[in-house]
Amino acid sequence: MDDLQKYIEKRKLQNKDFAENFDKGYEKFKINELKNFDISEYLDNKEIRDEYLAQVLKDGDKDELSEALANIEKSKT
């Protein structure tokens, strides 16, 4: 268990409202963060794009490859 997990567990024990609402709030946070994430914003140079593509090719998923190529193209604009 890392430090953040320890802190959360401690807060849950100390604060009933925090404990009751943490999971619901955390799920909402994760969903909002994932909706806003655009990988193309982070593919800002050739080295990063090449590494990203290499990882996708290593996984071997054709759908993921198609999406990765679109992300790379978008990152160049």
PDB file of N, CA and C in Angstrom:
ATOM      1  N   MET A   1       0.855  -1.179   0.000  1.00  0.00           N
ATOM      2  CA  MET A   1       0.000   0.000   0.000  1.00  0.00           C
ATOM      3  C   MET A   1       0.897   1.237   0.000  1.00  0.00           C
ATOM      4  N   ASP A   2       0.650   2.140  -0.953  1.00  0.00           N
ATOM      5  CA  ASP A   2       1.473   3.338  -1.014  1.00  0.00           C
ATOM      6  C   ASP A   2       0.970   4.398  -0.030  1.00  0.00           C
ATOM      7  N   ASP A   3       1.703   5.495   0.059  1.00  0.00           N
ATOM      8  CA  ASP A   3       1.376   6.545   1.026  1.00  0.00           C
ATOM      9  C   ASP A   3      -0.004   7.147   0.791  1.00  0.00           C
ATOM     10  N   LEU A   4      -0.367   7.341  -0.465  1.00  0.00           N
ATOM     11  CA  LEU A   4      -1.678   7.909  -0.764  1.00  0.00           C
ATOM     12  C   LEU A   4      -2.791   6.976  -0.303  1.00  0.00           C
ATOM     13  N   GLN A   5      -2.642   5.693  -0.566  1.00  0.00           N
ATOM     14  CA  GLN A   5      -3.656   4.727  -0.126  1.00  0.00           C
ATOM     15  C   GLN A   5      -3.755   4.698   1.396  1.00  0.00           C
ATOM     16  N   LYS A   6      -2.627   4.787   2.072  1.00  0.00           N
ATOM     17  CA  LYS A   6      -2.634   4.813   3.539  1.00  0.00           C
ATOM     18  C   LYS A   6      -3.371   6.044   4.048  1.00  0.00           C
ATOM     19  N   TYR A   7      -3.104   7.183   3.417  1.00  0.00           N
ATOM     20  CA  TYR A   7      -3.766   8.427   3.813  1.00  0.00           C
ATOM     21  C   TYR A   7      -5.281   8.317   3.628  1.00  0.00           C
ATOM     22  N   ILE A   8      -5.700   7.780   2.492  1.00  0.00           N
ATOM     23  CA  ILE A   8      -7.127   7.641   2.211  1.00  0.00           C
ATOM     24  C   ILE A   8      -7.790   6.723   3.228  1.00  0.00           C
ATOM     25  N   GLU A   9      -7.168   5.611   3.521  1.00  0.00           N
ATOM     26  CA  GLU A   9      -7.732   4.684   4.508  1.00  0.00           C
ATOM     27  C   GLU A   9      -7.830   5.334   5.885  1.00  0.00           C
ATOM     28  N   LYS A  10      -6.828   6.101   6.252  1.00  0.00           N
ATOM     29  CA  LYS A  10      -6.837   6.800   7.543  1.00  0.00           C
ATOM     30  C   LYS A  10      -7.979   7.816   7.584  1.00  0.00           C
ATOM     31  N   ARG A  11      -8.138   8.590   6.486  1.00  0.00           N
ATOM     32  CA  ARG A  11      -9.226   9.575   6.421  1.00  0.00           C
ATOM     33  C   ARG A  11     -10.587   8.899   6.493  1.00  0.00           C
ATOM     34  N   LYS A  12     -10.730   7.749   5.853  1.00  0.00           N
ATOM     35  CA  LYS A  12     -12.000   7.025   5.894  1.00  0.00           C
ATOM     36  C   LYS A  12     -12.348   6.613   7.313  1.00  0.00           C
ATOM     37  N   LEU A  13     -11.344   6.228   8.077  1.00  0.00           N
ATOM     38  CA  LEU A  13     -11.578   5.834   9.467  1.00  0.00           C
ATOM     39  C   LEU A  13     -11.931   7.032  10.339  1.00  0.00           C
ATOM     40  N   GLN A  14     -11.376   8.184  10.022  1.00  0.00           N
ATOM     41  CA  GLN A  14     -11.566   9.380  10.835  1.00  0.00           C
ATOM     42  C   GLN A  14     -12.826  10.165  10.478  1.00  0.00           C
ATOM     43  N   ASN A  15     -13.297  10.051   9.244  1.00  0.00           N
ATOM     44  CA  ASN A  15     -14.377  10.905   8.775  1.00  0.00           C
ATOM     45  C   ASN A  15     -15.428  10.065   8.044  1.00  0.00           C
ATOM     46  N   LYS A  16     -16.579   9.925   8.674  1.00  0.00           N
ATOM     47  CA  LYS A  16     -17.644   9.086   8.128  1.00  0.00           C
ATOM     48  C   LYS A  16     -18.127   9.587   6.762  1.00  0.00           C
ATOM     49  N   ASP A  17     -18.313  10.902   6.609  1.00  0.00           N
ATOM     50  CA  ASP A  17     -18.763  11.453   5.324  1.00  0.00           C
ATOM     51  C   ASP A  17     -17.743  11.184   4.222  1.00  0.00           C
ATOM     52  N   PHE A  18     -16.477  11.363   4.547  1.00  0.00           N
ATOM     53  CA  PHE A  18     -15.417  11.093   3.578  1.00  0.00           C
ATOM     54  C   PHE A  18     -15.479   9.631   3.154  1.00  0.00           C
ATOM     55  N   ALA A  19     -15.616   8.745   4.124  1.00  0.00           N
ATOM     56  CA  ALA A  19     -15.649   7.309   3.844  1.00  0.00           C
ATOM     57  C   ALA A  19     -16.842   6.935   2.969  1.00  0.00           C
ATOM     58  N   GLU A  20     -18.006   7.508   3.277  1.00  0.00           N
ATOM     59  CA  GLU A  20     -19.218   7.161   2.541  1.00  0.00           C
ATOM     60  C   GLU A  20     -19.219   7.698   1.112  1.00  0.00           C
ATOM     61  N   ASN A  21     -18.554   8.807   0.886  1.00  0.00           N
ATOM     62  CA  ASN A  21     -18.622   9.458  -0.424  1.00  0.00           C
ATOM     63  C   ASN A  21     -17.359   9.334  -1.263  1.00  0.00           C
ATOM     64  N   PHE A  22     -16.310   8.771  -0.698  1.00  0.00           N
ATOM     65  CA  PHE A  22     -15.032   8.726  -1.411  1.00  0.00           C
ATOM     66  C   PHE A  22     -15.126   7.969  -2.726  1.00  0.00           C
ATOM     67  N   ASP A  23     -15.633   6.756  -2.698  1.00  0.00           N
ATOM     68  CA  ASP A  23     -15.654   5.930  -3.910  1.00  0.00           C
ATOM     69  C   ASP A  23     -16.474   6.573  -5.025  1.00  0.00           C
ATOM     70  N   LYS A  24     -17.625   7.112  -4.680  1.00  0.00           N
ATOM     71  CA  LYS A  24     -18.477   7.770  -5.675  1.00  0.00           C
ATOM     72  C   LYS A  24     -17.761   8.997  -6.256  1.00  0.00           C
ATOM     73  N   GLY A  25     -17.164   9.793  -5.400  1.00  0.00           N
ATOM     74  CA  GLY A  25     -16.444  10.982  -5.859  1.00  0.00           C
ATOM     75  C   GLY A  25     -15.235  10.630  -6.694  1.00  0.00           C
ATOM     76  N   TYR A  26     -14.535   9.590  -6.290  1.00  0.00           N
ATOM     77  CA  TYR A  26     -13.337   9.172  -7.023  1.00  0.00           C
ATOM     78  C   TYR A  26     -13.705   8.673  -8.414  1.00  0.00           C
ATOM     79  N   GLU A  27     -14.764   7.904  -8.524  1.00  0.00           N
ATOM     80  CA  GLU A  27     -15.204   7.414  -9.836  1.00  0.00           C
ATOM     81  C   GLU A  27     -15.585   8.581 -10.740  1.00  0.00           C
ATOM     82  N   LYS A  28     -16.293   9.560 -10.190  1.00  0.00           N
ATOM     83  CA  LYS A  28     -16.681  10.735 -10.975  1.00  0.00           C
ATOM     84  C   LYS A  28     -15.438  11.488 -11.439  1.00  0.00           C
ATOM     85  N   PHE A  29     -14.459  11.637 -10.557  1.00  0.00           N
ATOM     86  CA  PHE A  29     -13.206  12.309 -10.902  1.00  0.00           C
ATOM     87  C   PHE A  29     -12.505  11.573 -12.038  1.00  0.00           C
ATOM     88  N   LYS A  30     -12.382  10.256 -11.919  1.00  0.00           N
ATOM     89  CA  LYS A  30     -11.684   9.479 -12.949  1.00  0.00           C
ATOM     90  C   LYS A  30     -12.381   9.600 -14.294  1.00  0.00           C
ATOM     91  N   ILE A  31     -13.699   9.528 -14.292  1.00  0.00           N
ATOM     92  CA  ILE A  31     -14.449   9.615 -15.542  1.00  0.00           C
ATOM     93  C   ILE A  31     -14.223  10.971 -16.197  1.00  0.00           C
ATOM     94  N   ASN A  32     -14.278  12.047 -15.417  1.00  0.00           N
ATOM     95  CA  ASN A  32     -14.062  13.379 -15.975  1.00  0.00           C
ATOM     96  C   ASN A  32     -12.647  13.539 -16.503  1.00  0.00           C
ATOM     97  N   GLU A  33     -11.671  13.025 -15.789  1.00  0.00           N
ATOM     98  CA  GLU A  33     -10.288  13.128 -16.237  1.00  0.00           C
ATOM     99  C   GLU A  33     -10.070  12.348 -17.525  1.00  0.00           C
ATOM    100  N   LEU A  34     -10.639  11.178 -17.621  1.00  0.00           N
ATOM    101  CA  LEU A  34     -10.476  10.368 -18.828  1.00  0.00           C
ATOM    102  C   LEU A  34     -11.150  11.012 -20.033  1.00  0.00           C
ATOM    103  N   LYS A  35     -12.288  11.645 -19.817  1.00  0.00           N
ATOM    104  CA  LYS A  35     -12.981  12.311 -20.911  1.00  0.00           C
ATOM    105  C   LYS A  35     -12.130  13.440 -21.484  1.00  0.00           C
ATOM    106  N   ASN A  36     -11.376  14.104 -20.632  1.00  0.00           N
ATOM    107  CA  ASN A  36     -10.601  15.262 -21.053  1.00  0.00           C
ATOM    108  C   ASN A  36      -9.217  14.905 -21.574  1.00  0.00           C
ATOM    109  N   PHE A  37      -8.809  13.664 -21.460  1.00  0.00           N
ATOM    110  CA  PHE A  37      -7.460  13.270 -21.852  1.00  0.00           C
ATOM    111  C   PHE A  37      -7.363  13.107 -23.363  1.00  0.00           C
ATOM    112  N   ASP A  38      -6.389  13.793 -23.954  1.00  0.00           N
ATOM    113  CA  ASP A  38      -6.132  13.685 -25.391  1.00  0.00           C
ATOM    114  C   ASP A  38      -4.644  13.415 -25.572  1.00  0.00           C
ATOM    115  N   ILE A  39      -4.306  12.176 -25.882  1.00  0.00           N
ATOM    116  CA  ILE A  39      -2.902  11.760 -25.992  1.00  0.00           C
ATOM    117  C   ILE A  39      -2.141  12.598 -27.010  1.00  0.00           C
ATOM    118  N   SER A  40      -2.821  13.069 -28.046  1.00  0.00           N
ATOM    119  CA  SER A  40      -2.120  13.824 -29.089  1.00  0.00           C
ATOM    120  C   SER A  40      -1.475  15.099 -28.544  1.00  0.00           C
ATOM    121  N   GLU A  41      -2.005  15.627 -27.455  1.00  0.00           N
ATOM    122  CA  GLU A  41      -1.420  16.820 -26.840  1.00  0.00           C
ATOM    123  C   GLU A  41      -0.039  16.545 -26.257  1.00  0.00           C
ATOM    124  N   TYR A  42       0.261  15.295 -25.994  1.00  0.00           N
ATOM    125  CA  TYR A  42       1.533  14.922 -25.374  1.00  0.00           C
ATOM    126  C   TYR A  42       2.544  14.376 -26.382  1.00  0.00           C
ATOM    127  N   LEU A  43       2.111  14.193 -27.598  1.00  0.00           N
ATOM    128  CA  LEU A  43       2.996  13.673 -28.644  1.00  0.00           C
ATOM    129  C   LEU A  43       3.629  14.862 -29.369  1.00  0.00           C
ATOM    130  N   ASP A  44       4.460  15.586 -28.656  1.00  0.00           N
ATOM    131  CA  ASP A  44       4.928  16.875 -29.161  1.00  0.00           C
ATOM    132  C   ASP A  44       6.295  16.863 -29.843  1.00  0.00           C
ATOM    133  N   ASN A  45       6.896  15.680 -29.998  1.00  0.00           N
ATOM    134  CA  ASN A  45       8.139  15.608 -30.769  1.00  0.00           C
ATOM    135  C   ASN A  45       8.283  14.208 -31.368  1.00  0.00           C
ATOM    136  N   LYS A  46       9.175  14.100 -32.333  1.00  0.00           N
ATOM    137  CA  LYS A  46       9.337  12.847 -33.077  1.00  0.00           C
ATOM    138  C   LYS A  46       9.716  11.682 -32.169  1.00  0.00           C
ATOM    139  N   GLU A  47      10.590  11.918 -31.214  1.00  0.00           N
ATOM    140  CA  GLU A  47      11.034  10.841 -30.320  1.00  0.00           C
ATOM    141  C   GLU A  47       9.867  10.258 -29.524  1.00  0.00           C
ATOM    142  N   ILE A  48       9.029  11.117 -29.008  1.00  0.00           N
ATOM    143  CA  ILE A  48       7.868  10.656 -28.233  1.00  0.00           C
ATOM    144  C   ILE A  48       6.879   9.931 -29.143  1.00  0.00           C
ATOM    145  N   ARG A  49       6.637  10.485 -30.325  1.00  0.00           N
ATOM    146  CA  ARG A  49       5.717   9.822 -31.267  1.00  0.00           C
ATOM    147  C   ARG A  49       6.241   8.445 -31.659  1.00  0.00           C
ATOM    148  N   ASP A  50       7.546   8.348 -31.903  1.00  0.00           N
ATOM    149  CA  ASP A  50       8.144   7.057 -32.272  1.00  0.00           C
ATOM    150  C   ASP A  50       8.008   6.034 -31.148  1.00  0.00           C
ATOM    151  N   GLU A  51       8.232   6.457 -29.917  1.00  0.00           N
ATOM    152  CA  GLU A  51       8.117   5.542 -28.770  1.00  0.00           C
ATOM    153  C   GLU A  51       6.663   5.093 -28.583  1.00  0.00           C
ATOM    154  N   TYR A  52       5.745   6.027 -28.718  1.00  0.00           N
ATOM    155  CA  TYR A  52       4.317   5.717 -28.618  1.00  0.00           C
ATOM    156  C   TYR A  52       3.927   4.669 -29.668  1.00  0.00           C
ATOM    157  N   LEU A  53       4.337   4.907 -30.902  1.00  0.00           N
ATOM    158  CA  LEU A  53       4.021   3.974 -31.979  1.00  0.00           C
ATOM    159  C   LEU A  53       4.668   2.609 -31.738  1.00  0.00           C
ATOM    160  N   ALA A  54       5.893   2.600 -31.259  1.00  0.00           N
ATOM    161  CA  ALA A  54       6.583   1.334 -30.972  1.00  0.00           C
ATOM    162  C   ALA A  54       5.826   0.523 -29.922  1.00  0.00           C
ATOM    163  N   GLN A  55       5.319   1.193 -28.892  1.00  0.00           N
ATOM    164  CA  GLN A  55       4.564   0.493 -27.845  1.00  0.00           C
ATOM    165  C   GLN A  55       3.258  -0.078 -28.392  1.00  0.00           C
ATOM    166  N   VAL A  56       2.591   0.690 -29.225  1.00  0.00           N
ATOM    167  CA  VAL A  56       1.336   0.216 -29.821  1.00  0.00           C
ATOM    168  C   VAL A  56       1.606  -0.976 -30.736  1.00  0.00           C
ATOM    169  N   LEU A  57       2.655  -0.893 -31.538  1.00  0.00           N
ATOM    170  CA  LEU A  57       3.007  -2.008 -32.423  1.00  0.00           C
ATOM    171  C   LEU A  57       3.364  -3.256 -31.623  1.00  0.00           C
ATOM    172  N   LYS A  58       4.022  -3.056 -30.509  1.00  0.00           N
ATOM    173  CA  LYS A  58       4.406  -4.175 -29.642  1.00  0.00           C
ATOM    174  C   LYS A  58       3.168  -4.915 -29.126  1.00  0.00           C
ATOM    175  N   ASP A  59       2.105  -4.155 -28.818  1.00  0.00           N
ATOM    176  CA  ASP A  59       0.866  -4.764 -28.323  1.00  0.00           C
ATOM    177  C   ASP A  59       0.142  -5.556 -29.410  1.00  0.00           C
ATOM    178  N   GLY A  60       0.282  -5.129 -30.665  1.00  0.00           N
ATOM    179  CA  GLY A  60      -0.280  -5.882 -31.782  1.00  0.00           C
ATOM    180  C   GLY A  60      -1.774  -5.748 -32.005  1.00  0.00           C
ATOM    181  N   ASP A  61      -2.414  -4.758 -31.417  1.00  0.00           N
ATOM    182  CA  ASP A  61      -3.855  -4.558 -31.577  1.00  0.00           C
ATOM    183  C   ASP A  61      -4.104  -3.636 -32.777  1.00  0.00           C
ATOM    184  N   LYS A  62      -4.784  -4.147 -33.808  1.00  0.00           N
ATOM    185  CA  LYS A  62      -4.999  -3.379 -35.039  1.00  0.00           C
ATOM    186  C   LYS A  62      -5.850  -2.133 -34.805  1.00  0.00           C
ATOM    187  N   ASP A  63      -6.878  -2.242 -33.964  1.00  0.00           N
ATOM    188  CA  ASP A  63      -7.717  -1.078 -33.672  1.00  0.00           C
ATOM    189  C   ASP A  63      -6.918  -0.005 -32.943  1.00  0.00           C
ATOM    190  N   GLU A  64      -6.095  -0.439 -32.014  1.00  0.00           N
ATOM    191  CA  GLU A  64      -5.258   0.505 -31.274  1.00  0.00           C
ATOM    192  C   GLU A  64      -4.239   1.162 -32.206  1.00  0.00           C
ATOM    193  N   LEU A  65      -3.717   0.404 -33.160  1.00  0.00           N
ATOM    194  CA  LEU A  65      -2.767   0.957 -34.128  1.00  0.00           C
ATOM    195  C   LEU A  65      -3.431   2.043 -34.968  1.00  0.00           C
ATOM    196  N   SER A  66      -4.625   1.779 -35.428  1.00  0.00           N
ATOM    197  CA  SER A  66      -5.358   2.769 -36.220  1.00  0.00           C
ATOM    198  C   SER A  66      -5.575   4.051 -35.419  1.00  0.00           C
ATOM    199  N   GLU A  67      -5.967   3.898 -34.170  1.00  0.00           N
ATOM    200  CA  GLU A  67      -6.179   5.054 -33.296  1.00  0.00           C
ATOM    201  C   GLU A  67      -4.863   5.792 -33.036  1.00  0.00           C
ATOM    202  N   ALA A  68      -3.791   5.045 -32.836  1.00  0.00           N
ATOM    203  CA  ALA A  68      -2.482   5.651 -32.585  1.00  0.00           C
ATOM    204  C   ALA A  68      -2.021   6.471 -33.784  1.00  0.00           C
ATOM    205  N   LEU A  69      -2.204   5.941 -34.976  1.00  0.00           N
ATOM    206  CA  LEU A  69      -1.812   6.683 -36.179  1.00  0.00           C
ATOM    207  C   LEU A  69      -2.608   7.981 -36.308  1.00  0.00           C
ATOM    208  N   ALA A  70      -3.884   7.922 -35.975  1.00  0.00           N
ATOM    209  CA  ALA A  70      -4.710   9.134 -35.999  1.00  0.00           C
ATOM    210  C   ALA A  70      -4.229  10.131 -34.944  1.00  0.00           C
ATOM    211  N   ASN A  71      -3.878   9.636 -33.762  1.00  0.00           N
ATOM    212  CA  ASN A  71      -3.369  10.512 -32.704  1.00  0.00           C
ATOM    213  C   ASN A  71      -2.060  11.171 -33.112  1.00  0.00           C
ATOM    214  N   ILE A  72      -1.196  10.408 -33.743  1.00  0.00           N
ATOM    215  CA  ILE A  72       0.089  10.952 -34.198  1.00  0.00           C
ATOM    216  C   ILE A  72      -0.143  12.030 -35.250  1.00  0.00           C
ATOM    217  N   GLU A  73      -1.024  11.754 -36.187  1.00  0.00           N
ATOM    218  CA  GLU A  73      -1.323  12.745 -37.230  1.00  0.00           C
ATOM    219  C   GLU A  73      -1.900  14.018 -36.610  1.00  0.00           C
ATOM    220  N   LYS A  74      -2.810  13.857 -35.675  1.00  0.00           N
ATOM    221  CA  LYS A  74      -3.417  15.012 -34.998  1.00  0.00           C
ATOM    222  C   LYS A  74      -2.364  15.818 -34.242  1.00  0.00           C
ATOM    223  N   SER A  75      -1.388  15.145 -33.669  1.00  0.00           N
ATOM    224  CA  SER A  75      -0.365  15.834 -32.871  1.00  0.00           C
ATOM    225  C   SER A  75       0.529  16.731 -33.721  1.00  0.00           C
ATOM    226  N   LYS A  76       0.568  16.481 -35.010  1.00  0.00           N
ATOM    227  CA  LYS A  76       1.432  17.258 -35.911  1.00  0.00           C
ATOM    228  C   LYS A  76       0.783  18.564 -36.359  1.00  0.00           C
ATOM    229  N   THR A  77      -0.506  18.734 -36.066  1.00  0.00           N
ATOM    230  CA  THR A  77      -1.207  19.946 -36.512  1.00  0.00           C
ATOM    231  C   THR A  77      -1.194  21.033 -35.471  1.00  0.00           C
TER     232      THR A  77
END
